[in-house]
Amino acid sequence: MKRALIVTLAMGLLTLGTFASSSSGLGVGEKIEAFLVKNCDGGDPYCQVCKYGKRPKLISVGDLEDPAWIQDLKAIQTLHEKYSQEGKGLAVFALAATLKDGKAAPVADPEAALAKLKQIKEENHLTFPLVIAQNADEIYKAQGKTNQGYKIFENYYKVTESRTVMFGDKANTVKFSTVLSGDPHKQLAELESVLQKNL
């Protein structure tokens, strides 16, 4: 009887783990690190992770050619409105990448991608930043400088699928990571539960 209970409990924990961690993106326990982005609203490359400081962070990564990702952003907007606490609570941003052969790559046409993101933002009334990744090595090299420690998004974040969502606490430790699919409402409810415990 005791052994059956232990096996049942272990299976339950394994099942729970599949919701909390994903093979795409950072795993639970890993750290959200600084990297450079460009915002669809304009401006120079900057670090969105740094800008948000010690606030808990929710990052959504998707392919611009994936209409389901756009639907995800609308659902994430609801979480943003509910928990951002006028810039003191949850910090959200979404990053567009090209997902090809199971690997994230920079968008082929940055200007076209930024224009499309701006359109998506306006049409869907999104109030969090929509960005594309920038290669810090290349940016600093062009200025004759050395990269100041910024990660290269594609190499560090290990995103392999569109609709990857990662949530990190105030210490930037990932507490939830998944690829939204099938029943995203259930996954988003799971995310919200984790989020509430880490604000």
N, C-alpha and C. Protein backbone atom coordinates (compact mmCIF):
# COMPACT_ATOMS: atom_id res chain seq x y z
N MET A 1 0.83 -1.19 0.00
CA MET A 1 0.00 0.00 0.00
C MET A 1 0.88 1.25 0.00
N LYS A 2 1.91 1.23 0.87
CA LYS A 2 2.81 2.38 0.97
C LYS A 2 3.53 2.61 -0.35
N ARG A 3 4.00 1.51 -0.96
CA ARG A 3 4.73 1.60 -2.23
C ARG A 3 3.82 2.17 -3.32
N ALA A 4 2.57 1.72 -3.37
CA ALA A 4 1.61 2.21 -4.38
C ALA A 4 1.39 3.71 -4.20
N LEU A 5 1.32 4.15 -2.95
CA LEU A 5 1.11 5.58 -2.67
C LEU A 5 2.32 6.39 -3.14
N ILE A 6 3.52 5.89 -2.88
CA ILE A 6 4.74 6.58 -3.30
C ILE A 6 4.82 6.67 -4.82
N VAL A 7 4.49 5.57 -5.50
CA VAL A 7 4.51 5.56 -6.97
C VAL A 7 3.49 6.56 -7.51
N THR A 8 2.29 6.57 -6.93
CA THR A 8 1.24 7.50 -7.37
C THR A 8 1.69 8.95 -7.17
N LEU A 9 2.29 9.22 -6.01
CA LEU A 9 2.78 10.57 -5.72
C LEU A 9 3.88 10.97 -6.70
N ALA A 10 4.80 10.06 -6.96
CA ALA A 10 5.90 10.34 -7.90
C ALA A 10 5.36 10.62 -9.29
N MET A 11 4.38 9.83 -9.73
CA MET A 11 3.79 10.05 -11.06
C MET A 11 3.09 11.40 -11.12
N GLY A 12 2.44 11.77 -10.03
CA GLY A 12 1.76 13.07 -9.96
C GLY A 12 2.75 14.21 -10.09
N LEU A 13 3.89 14.08 -9.40
CA LEU A 13 4.92 15.11 -9.48
C LEU A 13 5.53 15.19 -10.88
N LEU A 14 5.73 14.03 -11.51
CA LEU A 14 6.25 14.01 -12.88
C LEU A 14 5.28 14.69 -13.83
N THR A 15 4.00 14.42 -13.67
CA THR A 15 2.99 15.04 -14.52
C THR A 15 2.98 16.55 -14.32
N LEU A 16 3.07 16.99 -13.05
CA LEU A 16 3.10 18.42 -12.76
C LEU A 16 4.31 19.06 -13.42
N GLY A 17 5.44 18.36 -13.39
CA GLY A 17 6.68 18.88 -13.98
C GLY A 17 6.56 19.15 -15.45
N THR A 18 5.74 18.38 -16.17
CA THR A 18 5.61 18.59 -17.61
C THR A 18 4.92 19.91 -17.91
N PHE A 19 4.10 20.40 -16.99
CA PHE A 19 3.45 21.69 -17.19
C PHE A 19 4.40 22.82 -16.83
N ALA A 20 5.25 22.59 -15.84
CA ALA A 20 6.08 23.66 -15.31
C ALA A 20 7.37 23.86 -16.09
N SER A 21 7.80 22.89 -16.85
CA SER A 21 9.06 23.03 -17.56
C SER A 21 8.95 22.48 -18.97
N SER A 22 9.69 23.09 -19.88
CA SER A 22 9.58 22.75 -21.30
C SER A 22 10.95 22.48 -21.88
N SER A 23 11.00 21.75 -22.99
CA SER A 23 12.29 21.51 -23.65
C SER A 23 12.65 22.69 -24.55
N SER A 24 11.73 23.63 -24.74
CA SER A 24 12.00 24.84 -25.52
C SER A 24 12.16 26.01 -24.56
N GLY A 25 13.28 26.69 -24.65
CA GLY A 25 13.53 27.81 -23.75
C GLY A 25 14.25 27.37 -22.49
N LEU A 26 14.44 28.30 -21.58
CA LEU A 26 15.12 27.99 -20.33
C LEU A 26 14.26 27.07 -19.48
N GLY A 27 14.92 26.18 -18.75
CA GLY A 27 14.21 25.27 -17.86
C GLY A 27 14.01 25.90 -16.49
N VAL A 28 13.09 25.33 -15.72
CA VAL A 28 12.85 25.79 -14.36
C VAL A 28 14.16 25.70 -13.58
N GLY A 29 14.50 26.78 -12.88
CA GLY A 29 15.73 26.84 -12.10
C GLY A 29 16.86 27.58 -12.81
N GLU A 30 16.76 27.72 -14.14
CA GLU A 30 17.78 28.46 -14.88
C GLU A 30 17.54 29.96 -14.72
N LYS A 31 18.52 30.76 -15.14
CA LYS A 31 18.45 32.21 -14.94
C LYS A 31 18.12 32.97 -16.22
N ILE A 32 17.21 33.93 -16.11
CA ILE A 32 16.95 34.87 -17.20
C ILE A 32 18.13 35.84 -17.20
N GLU A 33 18.84 35.92 -18.33
CA GLU A 33 20.04 36.77 -18.42
C GLU A 33 19.82 37.91 -19.40
N ALA A 34 20.67 38.92 -19.29
CA ALA A 34 20.58 40.12 -20.12
C ALA A 34 20.94 39.83 -21.57
N PHE A 35 20.16 40.40 -22.49
CA PHE A 35 20.47 40.35 -23.92
C PHE A 35 19.87 41.58 -24.58
N LEU A 36 20.38 41.95 -25.74
CA LEU A 36 19.92 43.17 -26.41
C LEU A 36 18.73 42.90 -27.32
N VAL A 37 17.84 43.88 -27.38
CA VAL A 37 16.66 43.80 -28.24
C VAL A 37 16.46 45.14 -28.95
N LYS A 38 15.59 45.11 -29.95
CA LYS A 38 15.13 46.35 -30.58
C LYS A 38 13.61 46.35 -30.48
N ASN A 39 13.05 47.47 -30.06
CA ASN A 39 11.62 47.59 -29.80
C ASN A 39 10.89 48.05 -31.06
N CYS A 40 9.70 47.53 -31.29
CA CYS A 40 8.92 47.93 -32.47
C CYS A 40 8.49 49.39 -32.40
N ASP A 41 8.56 49.99 -31.21
CA ASP A 41 8.20 51.40 -31.07
C ASP A 41 9.38 52.32 -31.39
N GLY A 42 10.52 51.73 -31.79
CA GLY A 42 11.67 52.54 -32.20
C GLY A 42 12.74 52.62 -31.12
N GLY A 43 13.81 53.38 -31.44
CA GLY A 43 14.91 53.56 -30.50
C GLY A 43 16.07 52.63 -30.78
N ASP A 44 17.15 52.85 -30.04
CA ASP A 44 18.37 52.06 -30.19
C ASP A 44 18.21 50.71 -29.50
N PRO A 45 19.09 49.75 -29.84
CA PRO A 45 19.08 48.47 -29.12
C PRO A 45 19.30 48.71 -27.62
N TYR A 46 18.62 47.94 -26.81
CA TYR A 46 18.73 48.06 -25.36
C TYR A 46 18.44 46.71 -24.73
N CYS A 47 18.60 46.61 -23.43
CA CYS A 47 18.34 45.36 -22.71
C CYS A 47 17.01 45.48 -21.96
N GLN A 48 16.00 44.74 -22.43
CA GLN A 48 14.68 44.79 -21.79
C GLN A 48 14.72 44.13 -20.41
N VAL A 49 15.49 43.06 -20.28
CA VAL A 49 15.62 42.37 -18.99
C VAL A 49 16.18 43.36 -17.96
N CYS A 50 17.22 44.11 -18.36
CA CYS A 50 17.85 45.09 -17.45
C CYS A 50 16.87 46.21 -17.10
N LYS A 51 16.14 46.67 -18.09
CA LYS A 51 15.19 47.77 -17.89
C LYS A 51 14.14 47.41 -16.85
N TYR A 52 13.75 46.15 -16.80
CA TYR A 52 12.73 45.71 -15.84
C TYR A 52 13.29 45.47 -14.44
N GLY A 53 14.60 45.49 -14.30
CA GLY A 53 15.22 45.38 -12.98
C GLY A 53 14.81 44.14 -12.22
N LYS A 54 14.38 44.35 -10.96
CA LYS A 54 14.07 43.21 -10.07
C LYS A 54 12.61 42.80 -10.11
N ARG A 55 11.89 43.22 -11.13
CA ARG A 55 10.49 42.79 -11.24
C ARG A 55 10.42 41.37 -11.80
N PRO A 56 9.41 40.57 -11.41
CA PRO A 56 9.21 39.26 -12.04
C PRO A 56 8.95 39.46 -13.54
N LYS A 57 9.48 38.56 -14.37
CA LYS A 57 9.41 38.76 -15.82
C LYS A 57 8.73 37.60 -16.53
N LEU A 58 7.89 37.96 -17.49
CA LEU A 58 7.22 36.98 -18.36
C LEU A 58 7.64 37.27 -19.79
N ILE A 59 8.26 36.28 -20.43
CA ILE A 59 8.75 36.44 -21.80
C ILE A 59 8.01 35.45 -22.69
N SER A 60 7.42 35.97 -23.76
CA SER A 60 6.76 35.12 -24.76
C SER A 60 7.58 35.20 -26.04
N VAL A 61 7.94 34.05 -26.60
CA VAL A 61 8.73 34.02 -27.83
C VAL A 61 7.94 33.29 -28.90
N GLY A 62 7.83 33.92 -30.08
CA GLY A 62 7.07 33.28 -31.15
C GLY A 62 7.56 33.67 -32.52
N ASP A 63 7.06 32.94 -33.50
CA ASP A 63 7.36 33.20 -34.90
C ASP A 63 6.27 34.10 -35.46
N LEU A 64 6.67 35.15 -36.16
CA LEU A 64 5.70 36.09 -36.73
C LEU A 64 4.74 35.43 -37.71
N GLU A 65 5.14 34.28 -38.26
CA GLU A 65 4.28 33.57 -39.21
C GLU A 65 3.31 32.62 -38.52
N ASP A 66 3.32 32.63 -37.19
CA ASP A 66 2.47 31.73 -36.40
C ASP A 66 1.27 32.50 -35.84
N PRO A 67 0.07 32.37 -36.45
CA PRO A 67 -1.09 33.14 -35.97
C PRO A 67 -1.48 32.79 -34.54
N ALA A 68 -1.18 31.57 -34.10
CA ALA A 68 -1.52 31.18 -32.72
C ALA A 68 -0.74 32.01 -31.71
N TRP A 69 0.49 32.41 -32.09
CA TRP A 69 1.30 33.23 -31.18
C TRP A 69 0.62 34.58 -30.94
N ILE A 70 0.02 35.14 -31.98
CA ILE A 70 -0.67 36.42 -31.84
C ILE A 70 -1.83 36.28 -30.84
N GLN A 71 -2.53 35.14 -30.90
CA GLN A 71 -3.62 34.88 -29.94
C GLN A 71 -3.05 34.77 -28.52
N ASP A 72 -1.88 34.15 -28.39
CA ASP A 72 -1.23 34.05 -27.07
C ASP A 72 -0.99 35.44 -26.49
N LEU A 73 -0.54 36.36 -27.35
CA LEU A 73 -0.21 37.71 -26.87
C LEU A 73 -1.44 38.41 -26.30
N LYS A 74 -2.59 38.13 -26.88
CA LYS A 74 -3.83 38.73 -26.36
C LYS A 74 -4.13 38.18 -24.96
N ALA A 75 -3.92 36.89 -24.77
CA ALA A 75 -4.14 36.27 -23.45
C ALA A 75 -3.13 36.81 -22.44
N ILE A 76 -1.89 37.00 -22.89
CA ILE A 76 -0.83 37.51 -22.01
C ILE A 76 -1.11 38.96 -21.63
N GLN A 77 -1.74 39.71 -22.54
CA GLN A 77 -2.13 41.09 -22.22
C GLN A 77 -3.05 41.13 -21.00
N THR A 78 -3.93 40.14 -20.89
CA THR A 78 -4.83 40.06 -19.73
C THR A 78 -4.03 39.90 -18.44
N LEU A 79 -3.01 39.02 -18.47
CA LEU A 79 -2.15 38.84 -17.29
C LEU A 79 -1.39 40.12 -16.99
N HIS A 80 -0.91 40.77 -18.05
CA HIS A 80 -0.17 42.03 -17.90
C HIS A 80 -1.04 43.08 -17.19
N GLU A 81 -2.27 43.22 -17.64
CA GLU A 81 -3.18 44.21 -17.05
C GLU A 81 -3.50 43.87 -15.59
N LYS A 82 -3.60 42.59 -15.31
CA LYS A 82 -4.01 42.13 -13.98
C LYS A 82 -2.88 42.25 -12.94
N TYR A 83 -1.63 42.03 -13.38
CA TYR A 83 -0.54 41.91 -12.41
C TYR A 83 0.60 42.92 -12.55
N SER A 84 0.54 43.82 -13.52
CA SER A 84 1.67 44.75 -13.70
C SER A 84 1.73 45.81 -12.59
N GLN A 85 0.63 46.04 -11.90
CA GLN A 85 0.58 46.97 -10.76
C GLN A 85 1.24 48.31 -11.10
N GLU A 86 0.82 48.88 -12.23
CA GLU A 86 1.31 50.18 -12.67
C GLU A 86 2.83 50.26 -12.71
N GLY A 87 3.44 49.22 -13.27
CA GLY A 87 4.90 49.23 -13.43
C GLY A 87 5.69 48.76 -12.24
N LYS A 88 5.01 48.21 -11.23
CA LYS A 88 5.73 47.73 -10.04
C LYS A 88 5.65 46.22 -9.88
N GLY A 89 4.76 45.57 -10.63
CA GLY A 89 4.56 44.12 -10.51
C GLY A 89 5.15 43.38 -11.69
N LEU A 90 4.34 42.53 -12.29
CA LEU A 90 4.79 41.69 -13.40
C LEU A 90 5.27 42.53 -14.58
N ALA A 91 6.42 42.16 -15.13
CA ALA A 91 6.97 42.82 -16.32
C ALA A 91 6.90 41.84 -17.48
N VAL A 92 6.29 42.27 -18.58
CA VAL A 92 6.05 41.39 -19.72
C VAL A 92 6.72 41.94 -20.97
N PHE A 93 7.29 41.05 -21.79
CA PHE A 93 7.63 41.44 -23.15
C PHE A 93 7.56 40.22 -24.05
N ALA A 94 7.37 40.48 -25.35
CA ALA A 94 7.27 39.40 -26.33
C ALA A 94 8.33 39.60 -27.40
N LEU A 95 8.96 38.51 -27.79
CA LEU A 95 10.06 38.56 -28.76
C LEU A 95 9.73 37.72 -29.98
N ALA A 96 9.86 38.33 -31.15
CA ALA A 96 9.65 37.60 -32.41
C ALA A 96 10.98 37.07 -32.91
N ALA A 97 10.98 35.82 -33.31
CA ALA A 97 12.17 35.18 -33.89
C ALA A 97 11.72 34.32 -35.06
N THR A 98 12.67 33.86 -35.84
CA THR A 98 12.36 32.89 -36.89
C THR A 98 12.65 31.52 -36.31
N LEU A 99 11.64 30.64 -36.28
CA LEU A 99 11.83 29.29 -35.76
C LEU A 99 11.94 28.34 -36.93
N LYS A 100 13.15 27.80 -37.13
CA LYS A 100 13.39 26.94 -38.28
C LYS A 100 14.24 25.75 -37.86
N ASP A 101 13.84 24.56 -38.30
CA ASP A 101 14.59 23.34 -37.99
C ASP A 101 14.84 23.20 -36.48
N GLY A 102 13.83 23.54 -35.70
CA GLY A 102 13.94 23.36 -34.25
C GLY A 102 14.90 24.31 -33.57
N LYS A 103 15.12 25.49 -34.16
CA LYS A 103 16.04 26.45 -33.53
C LYS A 103 15.58 27.87 -33.83
N ALA A 104 15.69 28.73 -32.81
CA ALA A 104 15.37 30.14 -33.01
C ALA A 104 16.53 30.81 -33.73
N ALA A 105 16.19 31.68 -34.66
CA ALA A 105 17.20 32.45 -35.39
C ALA A 105 16.70 33.89 -35.49
N PRO A 106 17.63 34.84 -35.68
CA PRO A 106 17.18 36.23 -35.84
C PRO A 106 16.26 36.34 -37.05
N VAL A 107 15.33 37.28 -36.98
CA VAL A 107 14.43 37.50 -38.12
C VAL A 107 15.27 37.92 -39.33
N ALA A 108 14.88 37.45 -40.51
CA ALA A 108 15.66 37.72 -41.73
C ALA A 108 15.63 39.19 -42.12
N ASP A 109 14.48 39.84 -41.93
CA ASP A 109 14.32 41.24 -42.31
C ASP A 109 13.86 42.02 -41.07
N PRO A 110 14.82 42.56 -40.30
CA PRO A 110 14.48 43.23 -39.04
C PRO A 110 13.47 44.37 -39.19
N GLU A 111 13.64 45.20 -40.21
CA GLU A 111 12.73 46.35 -40.36
C GLU A 111 11.30 45.89 -40.64
N ALA A 112 11.16 44.88 -41.51
CA ALA A 112 9.82 44.34 -41.82
C ALA A 112 9.21 43.71 -40.57
N ALA A 113 10.03 42.99 -39.79
CA ALA A 113 9.54 42.35 -38.57
C ALA A 113 9.07 43.39 -37.55
N LEU A 114 9.84 44.47 -37.40
CA LEU A 114 9.47 45.52 -36.45
C LEU A 114 8.17 46.21 -36.88
N ALA A 115 8.02 46.42 -38.19
CA ALA A 115 6.79 47.04 -38.71
C ALA A 115 5.59 46.14 -38.45
N LYS A 116 5.78 44.83 -38.65
CA LYS A 116 4.68 43.88 -38.42
C LYS A 116 4.33 43.81 -36.94
N LEU A 117 5.34 43.83 -36.08
CA LEU A 117 5.10 43.82 -34.63
C LEU A 117 4.33 45.06 -34.20
N LYS A 118 4.70 46.20 -34.76
CA LYS A 118 4.00 47.45 -34.42
C LYS A 118 2.52 47.36 -34.82
N GLN A 119 2.28 46.77 -35.99
CA GLN A 119 0.90 46.58 -36.46
C GLN A 119 0.13 45.65 -35.52
N ILE A 120 0.77 44.54 -35.13
CA ILE A 120 0.15 43.58 -34.20
C ILE A 120 -0.17 44.27 -32.87
N LYS A 121 0.77 45.07 -32.40
CA LYS A 121 0.60 45.76 -31.12
C LYS A 121 -0.60 46.71 -31.16
N GLU A 122 -0.69 47.47 -32.24
CA GLU A 122 -1.77 48.45 -32.37
C GLU A 122 -3.13 47.78 -32.57
N GLU A 123 -3.17 46.78 -33.45
CA GLU A 123 -4.44 46.11 -33.76
C GLU A 123 -5.01 45.36 -32.57
N ASN A 124 -4.13 44.86 -31.70
CA ASN A 124 -4.58 44.05 -30.57
C ASN A 124 -4.52 44.80 -29.24
N HIS A 125 -4.22 46.09 -29.30
CA HIS A 125 -4.19 46.95 -28.10
C HIS A 125 -3.27 46.38 -27.02
N LEU A 126 -2.08 45.96 -27.43
CA LEU A 126 -1.10 45.41 -26.49
C LEU A 126 -0.31 46.56 -25.88
N THR A 127 -0.07 46.50 -24.58
CA THR A 127 0.62 47.60 -23.91
C THR A 127 1.98 47.20 -23.35
N PHE A 128 2.47 46.02 -23.70
CA PHE A 128 3.82 45.61 -23.29
C PHE A 128 4.72 45.62 -24.53
N PRO A 129 6.05 45.68 -24.34
CA PRO A 129 6.97 45.78 -25.48
C PRO A 129 6.97 44.53 -26.37
N LEU A 130 6.99 44.76 -27.68
CA LEU A 130 7.19 43.71 -28.68
C LEU A 130 8.54 43.99 -29.33
N VAL A 131 9.42 43.00 -29.31
CA VAL A 131 10.82 43.24 -29.69
C VAL A 131 11.36 42.13 -30.59
N ILE A 132 12.54 42.41 -31.17
CA ILE A 132 13.33 41.37 -31.83
C ILE A 132 14.70 41.37 -31.15
N ALA A 133 15.38 40.23 -31.17
CA ALA A 133 16.70 40.12 -30.54
C ALA A 133 17.75 40.80 -31.41
N GLN A 134 18.76 41.34 -30.75
CA GLN A 134 19.90 41.96 -31.43
C GLN A 134 21.17 41.24 -30.99
N ASN A 135 22.12 41.09 -31.89
CA ASN A 135 23.37 40.40 -31.57
C ASN A 135 24.35 41.39 -30.96
N ALA A 136 24.56 41.29 -29.65
CA ALA A 136 25.43 42.23 -28.94
C ALA A 136 26.87 42.16 -29.44
N ASP A 137 27.34 40.97 -29.79
CA ASP A 137 28.71 40.84 -30.31
C ASP A 137 28.89 41.71 -31.55
N GLU A 138 27.94 41.62 -32.48
CA GLU A 138 28.02 42.39 -33.73
C GLU A 138 27.89 43.89 -33.48
N ILE A 139 26.98 44.28 -32.60
CA ILE A 139 26.76 45.70 -32.31
C ILE A 139 28.02 46.32 -31.70
N TYR A 140 28.60 45.66 -30.71
CA TYR A 140 29.80 46.20 -30.07
C TYR A 140 31.00 46.17 -31.01
N LYS A 141 31.11 45.13 -31.81
CA LYS A 141 32.22 45.03 -32.77
C LYS A 141 32.17 46.20 -33.76
N ALA A 142 30.97 46.54 -34.23
CA ALA A 142 30.80 47.66 -35.17
C ALA A 142 31.23 48.99 -34.53
N GLN A 143 31.17 49.06 -33.20
CA GLN A 143 31.57 50.27 -32.49
C GLN A 143 33.03 50.21 -32.03
N GLY A 144 33.70 49.11 -32.40
CA GLY A 144 35.10 48.93 -31.98
C GLY A 144 35.23 48.65 -30.49
N LYS A 145 34.18 48.08 -29.90
CA LYS A 145 34.17 47.78 -28.47
C LYS A 145 33.97 46.29 -28.23
N THR A 146 34.07 45.90 -26.97
CA THR A 146 33.85 44.51 -26.59
C THR A 146 32.48 44.37 -25.95
N ASN A 147 31.79 43.28 -26.26
CA ASN A 147 30.49 42.98 -25.65
C ASN A 147 30.62 43.06 -24.13
N GLN A 148 29.73 43.80 -23.50
CA GLN A 148 29.78 44.03 -22.06
C GLN A 148 29.15 42.90 -21.24
N GLY A 149 29.03 41.72 -21.81
CA GLY A 149 28.49 40.59 -21.06
C GLY A 149 27.08 40.19 -21.43
N TYR A 150 26.53 40.81 -22.48
CA TYR A 150 25.19 40.44 -22.92
C TYR A 150 25.20 39.07 -23.59
N LYS A 151 24.20 38.27 -23.31
CA LYS A 151 24.05 36.97 -23.96
C LYS A 151 23.55 37.17 -25.39
N ILE A 152 23.78 36.18 -26.24
CA ILE A 152 23.19 36.16 -27.57
C ILE A 152 21.92 35.32 -27.42
N PHE A 153 20.77 35.93 -27.65
CA PHE A 153 19.49 35.30 -27.34
C PHE A 153 19.40 33.88 -27.89
N GLU A 154 19.67 33.70 -29.18
CA GLU A 154 19.47 32.40 -29.83
C GLU A 154 20.33 31.31 -29.19
N ASN A 155 21.52 31.68 -28.74
CA ASN A 155 22.44 30.69 -28.15
C ASN A 155 22.08 30.36 -26.70
N TYR A 156 21.74 31.38 -25.93
CA TYR A 156 21.54 31.17 -24.50
C TYR A 156 20.14 30.64 -24.16
N TYR A 157 19.12 31.19 -24.79
CA TYR A 157 17.75 30.88 -24.38
C TYR A 157 17.21 29.56 -24.94
N LYS A 158 17.87 28.97 -25.90
CA LYS A 158 17.56 27.62 -26.40
C LYS A 158 16.09 27.41 -26.79
N VAL A 159 15.50 28.43 -27.40
CA VAL A 159 14.10 28.31 -27.84
C VAL A 159 14.06 27.48 -29.12
N THR A 160 13.22 26.45 -29.13
CA THR A 160 13.12 25.56 -30.29
C THR A 160 11.73 25.58 -30.93
N GLU A 161 10.75 26.19 -30.24
CA GLU A 161 9.39 26.21 -30.77
C GLU A 161 8.73 27.57 -30.56
N SER A 162 7.88 27.93 -31.52
CA SER A 162 7.06 29.13 -31.37
C SER A 162 6.10 28.92 -30.20
N ARG A 163 5.70 30.02 -29.57
CA ARG A 163 4.76 30.01 -28.45
C ARG A 163 5.40 29.55 -27.14
N THR A 164 6.73 29.74 -27.05
CA THR A 164 7.44 29.43 -25.81
C THR A 164 7.21 30.56 -24.81
N VAL A 165 6.86 30.19 -23.59
CA VAL A 165 6.63 31.16 -22.52
C VAL A 165 7.53 30.82 -21.34
N MET A 166 8.23 31.83 -20.83
CA MET A 166 9.10 31.65 -19.66
C MET A 166 8.77 32.72 -18.63
N PHE A 167 8.62 32.31 -17.38
CA PHE A 167 8.36 33.25 -16.29
C PHE A 167 9.46 33.12 -15.24
N GLY A 168 10.05 34.25 -14.87
CA GLY A 168 11.08 34.26 -13.83
C GLY A 168 10.69 35.16 -12.67
N ASP A 169 11.15 34.82 -11.48
CA ASP A 169 10.82 35.61 -10.28
C ASP A 169 11.69 36.86 -10.19
N LYS A 170 11.64 37.55 -9.05
CA LYS A 170 12.39 38.80 -8.88
C LYS A 170 13.90 38.59 -8.97
N ALA A 171 14.35 37.38 -8.70
CA ALA A 171 15.78 37.07 -8.80
C ALA A 171 16.14 36.53 -10.19
N ASN A 172 15.20 36.60 -11.13
CA ASN A 172 15.39 36.12 -12.51
C ASN A 172 15.57 34.61 -12.61
N THR A 173 15.10 33.88 -11.60
CA THR A 173 15.13 32.42 -11.66
C THR A 173 13.84 31.94 -12.32
N VAL A 174 13.97 31.10 -13.35
CA VAL A 174 12.80 30.62 -14.07
C VAL A 174 11.97 29.71 -13.17
N LYS A 175 10.69 30.04 -13.04
CA LYS A 175 9.76 29.26 -12.21
C LYS A 175 8.75 28.50 -13.06
N PHE A 176 8.63 28.89 -14.32
CA PHE A 176 7.65 28.26 -15.22
C PHE A 176 8.14 28.42 -16.64
N SER A 177 8.07 27.34 -17.41
CA SER A 177 8.48 27.37 -18.81
C SER A 177 7.67 26.34 -19.58
N THR A 178 7.05 26.76 -20.68
CA THR A 178 6.24 25.83 -21.46
C THR A 178 6.10 26.32 -22.89
N VAL A 179 5.60 25.45 -23.74
CA VAL A 179 5.19 25.82 -25.09
C VAL A 179 3.67 25.73 -25.10
N LEU A 180 3.01 26.83 -25.37
CA LEU A 180 1.54 26.82 -25.39
C LEU A 180 1.05 26.02 -26.59
N SER A 181 0.12 25.12 -26.34
CA SER A 181 -0.44 24.29 -27.41
C SER A 181 -1.65 23.57 -26.86
N GLY A 182 -2.36 22.87 -27.73
CA GLY A 182 -3.50 22.07 -27.27
C GLY A 182 -4.52 22.91 -26.53
N ASP A 183 -4.39 22.94 -25.20
CA ASP A 183 -5.30 23.71 -24.36
C ASP A 183 -4.52 24.83 -23.66
N PRO A 184 -4.28 25.95 -24.37
CA PRO A 184 -3.48 27.02 -23.75
C PRO A 184 -4.14 27.61 -22.51
N HIS A 185 -5.47 27.54 -22.41
CA HIS A 185 -6.16 28.10 -21.24
C HIS A 185 -5.71 27.38 -19.97
N LYS A 186 -5.57 26.08 -20.05
CA LYS A 186 -5.12 25.29 -18.90
C LYS A 186 -3.67 25.66 -18.55
N GLN A 187 -2.83 25.78 -19.59
CA GLN A 187 -1.43 26.13 -19.35
C GLN A 187 -1.31 27.54 -18.77
N LEU A 188 -2.12 28.47 -19.28
CA LEU A 188 -2.07 29.85 -18.77
C LEU A 188 -2.59 29.93 -17.34
N ALA A 189 -3.55 29.07 -17.00
CA ALA A 189 -4.04 29.02 -15.61
C ALA A 189 -2.94 28.51 -14.69
N GLU A 190 -2.19 27.52 -15.17
CA GLU A 190 -1.05 26.99 -14.41
C GLU A 190 0.00 28.09 -14.23
N LEU A 191 0.27 28.83 -15.30
CA LEU A 191 1.22 29.95 -15.25
C LEU A 191 0.75 30.98 -14.23
N GLU A 192 -0.53 31.33 -14.27
CA GLU A 192 -1.05 32.35 -13.36
C GLU A 192 -0.91 31.92 -11.91
N SER A 193 -1.10 30.64 -11.66
CA SER A 193 -0.95 30.12 -10.30
C SER A 193 0.50 30.28 -9.81
N VAL A 194 1.46 29.96 -10.68
CA VAL A 194 2.89 30.10 -10.33
C VAL A 194 3.22 31.58 -10.15
N LEU A 195 2.69 32.39 -11.05
CA LEU A 195 2.93 33.83 -11.04
C LEU A 195 2.48 34.46 -9.72
N GLN A 196 1.28 34.08 -9.28
CA GLN A 196 0.72 34.66 -8.05
C GLN A 196 1.60 34.38 -6.84
N LYS A 197 2.30 33.24 -6.86
CA LYS A 197 3.16 32.88 -5.73
C LYS A 197 4.50 33.59 -5.77
N ASN A 198 4.81 34.24 -6.90
CA ASN A 198 6.15 34.81 -7.07
C ASN A 198 6.16 36.31 -7.36
N LEU A 199 5.05 36.98 -7.07
CA LEU A 199 5.01 38.44 -7.28
C LEU A 199 5.54 39.17 -6.06
